[in-house]
Structure formats: structure tokens, C-alpha cells
Amino acid sequence: MEKRKSNFELLRIFLIIMVLTVHYLAGGTGGALKYTQEGTINYYMIHLIMAICIIAVNTFVIITGYFMCSKKSIKISKILKLYAMSAFYGI
């Protein structure tokens, strides 16, 4: 059994909070930015917070790559299943 890496798990918790913050603030999805007038201090603070929190997405990709680099094989069935789920929900 592999030993758990709690430092990465703590980082993932912070990243999840940051992704939730981006989704909450994004104007395209009806978030706080949609209801804030351009040119106000709130408008610029929301953009600053989003700019800081958007790095969570890239960091998730880096963490996933770190854990996947030690894998010996890639299962094509997992890729196909992910593609099928994405296509189903996309339609």
C-alpha cells in the first residue's frame, strides 16, 4: 500500500476552494461579476481575486501529471469512458 501524501491533499483542498471562488465570481455564469458595475472598486477586487484563484486549474493539471508520470500503462478504456461521458453530457 502506498503512503498518503497529505501535503498534496491539503493543496488540493485549497485548490478546490479557489475553483469554487472562480465559479462564484465569474460573470458568464451569473456570478458576482455580472452584477458589479465596471469601474468600481468591487469590480477590480473581483478581477484581482479571480486572477489569483485561476491558477488552481493549472495546478490541478500539474498535480495530476505528477501522479500519472509513475504509471506503467495507460488504460484506453478509461479514456473512452471519459470521452463517452463528456459527449453524453455535451449533447
Protein backbone atom coordinates (compact mmCIF):
# COMPACT_ATOMS: atom_id res chain seq x y z
CA MET A 1 0.00 0.00 0.00
CA GLU A 2 1.27 3.46 -0.88
CA LYS A 3 1.71 6.07 1.79
CA ARG A 4 -0.66 9.03 1.50
CA LYS A 5 0.86 12.38 0.72
CA SER A 6 -1.03 14.75 2.98
CA ASN A 7 0.75 17.84 1.67
CA PHE A 8 -0.76 17.27 -1.79
CA GLU A 9 -4.17 16.56 -0.28
CA LEU A 10 -4.07 19.83 1.66
CA LEU A 11 -3.06 21.65 -1.54
CA ARG A 12 -6.00 20.05 -3.35
CA ILE A 13 -8.38 21.30 -0.65
CA PHE A 14 -7.13 24.86 -1.14
CA LEU A 15 -7.36 24.46 -4.91
CA ILE A 16 -10.96 23.27 -4.69
CA ILE A 17 -11.84 26.34 -2.65
CA MET A 18 -10.13 28.52 -5.25
CA VAL A 19 -12.02 26.87 -8.13
CA LEU A 20 -15.30 27.37 -6.27
CA THR A 21 -14.39 31.02 -5.80
CA VAL A 22 -13.77 31.46 -9.52
CA HIS A 23 -17.12 29.86 -10.33
CA TYR A 24 -18.87 32.05 -7.78
CA LEU A 25 -17.36 35.26 -9.13
CA ALA A 26 -17.41 34.61 -12.90
CA GLY A 27 -19.80 36.90 -14.74
CA GLY A 28 -20.51 34.50 -17.60
CA THR A 29 -22.20 32.04 -15.27
CA GLY A 30 -24.27 34.62 -13.42
CA GLY A 31 -21.77 35.25 -10.63
CA ALA A 32 -20.86 38.38 -8.74
CA LEU A 33 -19.05 39.98 -11.66
CA LYS A 34 -22.29 40.09 -13.65
CA TYR A 35 -23.90 42.32 -11.01
CA THR A 36 -20.96 44.65 -10.44
CA GLN A 37 -20.59 47.91 -12.31
CA GLU A 38 -17.41 48.41 -14.29
CA GLY A 39 -15.01 50.96 -12.83
CA THR A 40 -15.92 50.43 -9.18
CA ILE A 41 -13.53 49.14 -6.54
CA ASN A 42 -15.61 45.96 -6.22
CA TYR A 43 -15.19 45.29 -9.94
CA TYR A 44 -11.41 45.49 -9.70
CA MET A 45 -11.28 43.48 -6.47
CA ILE A 46 -13.30 40.69 -8.09
CA HIS A 47 -10.92 40.64 -11.05
CA LEU A 48 -7.93 40.53 -8.71
CA ILE A 49 -9.37 37.63 -6.73
CA MET A 50 -10.22 35.76 -9.94
CA ALA A 51 -6.70 36.33 -11.30
CA ILE A 52 -5.22 34.85 -8.13
CA CYS A 53 -7.64 31.91 -7.96
CA ILE A 54 -7.46 30.92 -11.65
CA ILE A 55 -4.07 29.29 -11.07
CA ALA A 56 -5.93 26.47 -9.31
CA VAL A 57 -6.91 24.93 -12.65
CA ASN A 58 -3.32 24.77 -13.91
CA THR A 59 -2.10 23.47 -10.57
CA PHE A 60 -4.61 20.60 -10.71
CA VAL A 61 -3.19 19.64 -14.11
CA ILE A 62 0.36 19.72 -12.75
CA ILE A 63 -0.54 17.59 -9.72
CA THR A 64 -2.33 15.07 -11.94
CA GLY A 65 0.69 14.88 -14.23
CA TYR A 66 2.97 14.36 -11.24
CA PHE A 67 0.99 11.36 -10.04
CA MET A 68 0.45 9.96 -13.54
CA CYS A 69 4.14 10.01 -14.55
CA SER A 70 4.87 6.95 -12.43
CA LYS A 71 2.13 4.85 -14.06
CA LYS A 72 3.41 1.95 -16.10
CA SER A 73 0.49 1.77 -18.52
CA ILE A 74 -2.42 3.80 -19.77
CA LYS A 75 -5.85 2.18 -19.95
CA ILE A 76 -7.60 3.12 -23.17
CA SER A 77 -10.94 2.07 -21.66
CA LYS A 78 -10.73 4.89 -19.09
CA ILE A 79 -10.09 7.45 -21.85
CA LEU A 80 -13.00 6.13 -23.92
CA LYS A 81 -15.31 6.13 -20.90
CA LEU A 82 -14.39 9.75 -20.12
CA TYR A 83 -14.96 10.73 -23.76
CA ALA A 84 -18.36 8.97 -23.80
CA MET A 85 -19.45 10.73 -20.61
CA SER A 86 -18.33 14.11 -21.97
CA ALA A 87 -20.14 13.53 -25.26
CA PHE A 88 -23.31 12.38 -23.47
CA TYR A 89 -23.47 15.40 -21.19
CA GLY A 90 -22.45 17.71 -24.04
CA ILE A 91 -25.41 16.63 -26.09
